[in-house]
């Protein structure tokens, strides 16, 4: 018979500055490991603190891996259309090595519509469709992202 496994999921919704939310999430994961949880999962969200402010889940999980020994660490999810797939694959491979094979990676195509429109500029292409190009307005991006210090 297969052993049952128990994991937990967090979106980093604590009412605190980003640095404090990351510290609290790290403590949650360490505590879950001490209690015998098998896995810890985090969500990626750009720009929207009310949904969880974690734009770089693999970076955060590298930090969590350095503070844990056994618990598996997972992304639920990385919104792949908002990322460079090669960069994500390489970062995930390196993290999995550093974490001794404990990384679980979940990918998705969704996300909040405002995140897509913040990161990308949509222009009508020849033939009637739309083409996506990186947003060229740095001020618009700066207004949407408070930065590491909040």
Protein backbone atom coordinates (compact mmCIF):
# COMPACT_ATOMS: atom_id res chain seq x y z
CA UNK A 1 0.00 0.00 0.00
CA UNK A 2 1.23 3.49 -0.86
CA UNK A 3 1.99 5.78 2.03
CA UNK A 4 -0.27 8.82 2.24
CA UNK A 5 1.43 12.17 1.93
CA UNK A 6 0.45 15.53 3.35
CA UNK A 7 1.43 18.92 2.00
CA UNK A 8 0.37 22.50 2.49
CA UNK A 9 -0.04 25.53 0.24
CA UNK A 10 0.60 29.19 1.00
CA UNK A 11 0.08 32.36 -1.01
CA UNK A 12 2.00 34.68 1.34
CA UNK A 13 -1.07 36.69 2.28
CA UNK A 14 0.21 37.98 5.63
CA UNK A 15 -0.55 41.65 6.26
CA UNK A 16 3.10 42.66 6.38
CA UNK A 17 5.87 44.16 4.27
CA UNK A 18 7.30 41.82 1.60
CA UNK A 19 10.48 40.98 3.54
CA UNK A 20 8.40 40.03 6.59
CA UNK A 21 6.00 37.93 4.45
CA UNK A 22 8.96 36.00 3.04
CA UNK A 23 10.34 35.46 6.55
CA UNK A 24 6.94 34.23 7.77
CA UNK A 25 6.56 31.88 4.79
CA UNK A 26 10.03 30.47 5.44
CA UNK A 27 9.04 29.85 9.06
CA UNK A 28 5.82 28.16 7.93
CA UNK A 29 7.80 25.78 5.74
CA UNK A 30 10.36 25.03 8.46
CA UNK A 31 7.56 24.41 10.96
CA UNK A 32 5.73 22.16 8.48
CA UNK A 33 8.90 20.12 8.05
CA UNK A 34 9.26 19.74 11.83
CA UNK A 35 5.63 18.58 12.02
CA UNK A 36 6.21 15.91 9.37
CA UNK A 37 4.55 17.48 6.32
CA UNK A 38 5.83 15.99 3.09
CA UNK A 39 5.62 19.06 0.86
CA UNK A 40 5.17 22.83 0.83
CA UNK A 41 3.66 24.63 -2.15
CA UNK A 42 3.71 28.33 -3.03
CA UNK A 43 1.91 30.43 -5.62
CA UNK A 44 3.45 32.90 -8.03
CA UNK A 45 1.71 36.27 -8.26
CA UNK A 46 2.96 39.44 -9.89
CA UNK A 47 1.96 42.88 -8.63
CA UNK A 48 -1.09 41.94 -6.54
CA UNK A 49 -0.35 41.71 -2.81
CA UNK A 50 -3.97 40.74 -2.06
CA UNK A 51 -3.36 37.53 -4.05
CA UNK A 52 0.07 36.88 -2.57
CA UNK A 53 3.15 38.86 -3.42
CA UNK A 54 5.65 36.34 -4.74
CA UNK A 55 6.86 37.11 -8.28
CA UNK A 56 9.91 34.78 -8.11
CA UNK A 57 8.93 31.43 -6.59
CA UNK A 58 12.12 29.59 -7.59
CA UNK A 59 14.30 32.20 -5.89
CA UNK A 60 12.19 31.96 -2.75
CA UNK A 61 12.26 28.14 -2.82
CA UNK A 62 16.07 28.22 -3.11
CA UNK A 63 16.04 30.17 0.15
CA UNK A 64 13.59 27.69 1.69
CA UNK A 65 15.73 24.76 0.52
CA UNK A 66 18.73 26.22 2.35
CA UNK A 67 16.68 26.28 5.57
CA UNK A 68 15.18 22.78 5.32
CA UNK A 69 16.43 19.24 4.82
CA UNK A 70 13.61 16.87 3.90
CA UNK A 71 10.38 18.61 2.88
CA UNK A 72 9.63 18.73 -0.85
CA UNK A 73 9.21 22.24 -2.25
CA UNK A 74 6.74 23.02 -5.01
CA UNK A 75 5.40 25.76 -7.24
CA UNK A 76 1.64 25.94 -7.63
CA UNK A 77 1.98 27.45 -10.16
CA UNK A 78 4.51 29.29 -12.31
CA UNK A 79 2.56 31.23 -14.94
CA UNK A 80 4.69 30.18 -17.90
CA UNK A 81 3.33 32.66 -20.50
CA UNK A 82 4.74 35.45 -18.34
CA UNK A 83 8.21 33.91 -18.18
CA UNK A 84 11.10 32.97 -20.41
CA UNK A 85 10.64 29.16 -20.54
CA UNK A 86 14.36 28.45 -20.99
CA UNK A 87 15.26 30.60 -17.97
CA UNK A 88 12.59 28.86 -15.86
CA UNK A 89 13.83 25.42 -16.94
CA UNK A 90 17.45 26.25 -16.15
CA UNK A 91 16.61 27.86 -12.81
CA UNK A 92 14.41 24.90 -11.84
CA UNK A 93 17.15 22.43 -12.79
CA UNK A 94 19.75 24.27 -10.70
CA UNK A 95 17.37 24.60 -7.76
CA UNK A 96 16.51 20.90 -7.91
CA UNK A 97 20.22 20.06 -7.71
CA UNK A 98 20.79 22.46 -4.81
CA UNK A 99 17.73 21.08 -3.01
CA UNK A 100 18.86 17.45 -3.42
CA UNK A 101 16.00 16.56 -5.77
CA UNK A 102 13.23 18.01 -3.60
CA UNK A 103 11.72 20.41 -6.17
CA UNK A 104 8.22 19.88 -7.55
CA UNK A 105 7.31 22.22 -10.41
CA UNK A 106 3.79 23.13 -11.47
CA UNK A 107 3.14 25.24 -14.57
CA UNK A 108 -0.01 27.01 -15.63
CA UNK A 109 -1.26 29.30 -18.34
CA UNK A 110 -3.43 31.52 -16.16
CA UNK A 111 -2.94 34.61 -14.16
CA UNK A 112 -4.75 37.82 -13.48
CA UNK A 113 -5.56 39.81 -16.63
CA UNK A 114 -4.03 42.96 -15.19
CA UNK A 115 -0.69 41.17 -14.75
CA UNK A 116 -0.60 40.27 -18.43
CA UNK A 117 -1.42 43.83 -19.47
CA UNK A 118 1.19 45.24 -17.11
CA UNK A 119 4.04 43.06 -18.36
CA UNK A 120 3.17 43.05 -22.04
CA UNK A 121 1.97 45.51 -24.61
CA UNK A 122 -0.64 44.18 -27.02
CA UNK A 123 -0.76 45.72 -30.48
CA UNK A 124 -2.92 44.90 -33.46
CA UNK A 125 -0.84 42.94 -35.95
CA UNK A 126 -1.17 42.77 -39.70
CA UNK A 127 -4.00 40.38 -40.51
CA UNK A 128 -6.19 41.49 -37.60
CA UNK A 129 -4.62 39.54 -34.75
CA UNK A 130 -2.64 40.85 -31.82
CA UNK A 131 1.06 40.61 -31.14
CA UNK A 132 2.65 40.71 -27.71
CA UNK A 133 5.74 42.77 -27.03
CA UNK A 134 7.37 43.64 -23.69
CA UNK A 135 5.86 46.71 -22.08
CA UNK A 136 7.92 49.72 -23.05
CA UNK A 137 6.71 52.08 -20.35
CA UNK A 138 9.06 51.70 -17.33
CA UNK A 139 6.99 54.16 -15.30
CA UNK A 140 3.90 51.96 -15.71
CA UNK A 141 5.87 48.94 -14.48
CA UNK A 142 7.29 50.90 -11.55
CA UNK A 143 3.80 51.95 -10.46
CA UNK A 144 2.64 48.31 -10.47
CA UNK A 145 5.61 46.88 -8.56
CA UNK A 146 6.62 48.40 -5.26
CA UNK A 147 9.98 46.60 -5.25
CA UNK A 148 11.69 44.36 -2.72
CA UNK A 149 11.47 46.84 0.14
CA UNK A 150 7.72 47.30 -0.33
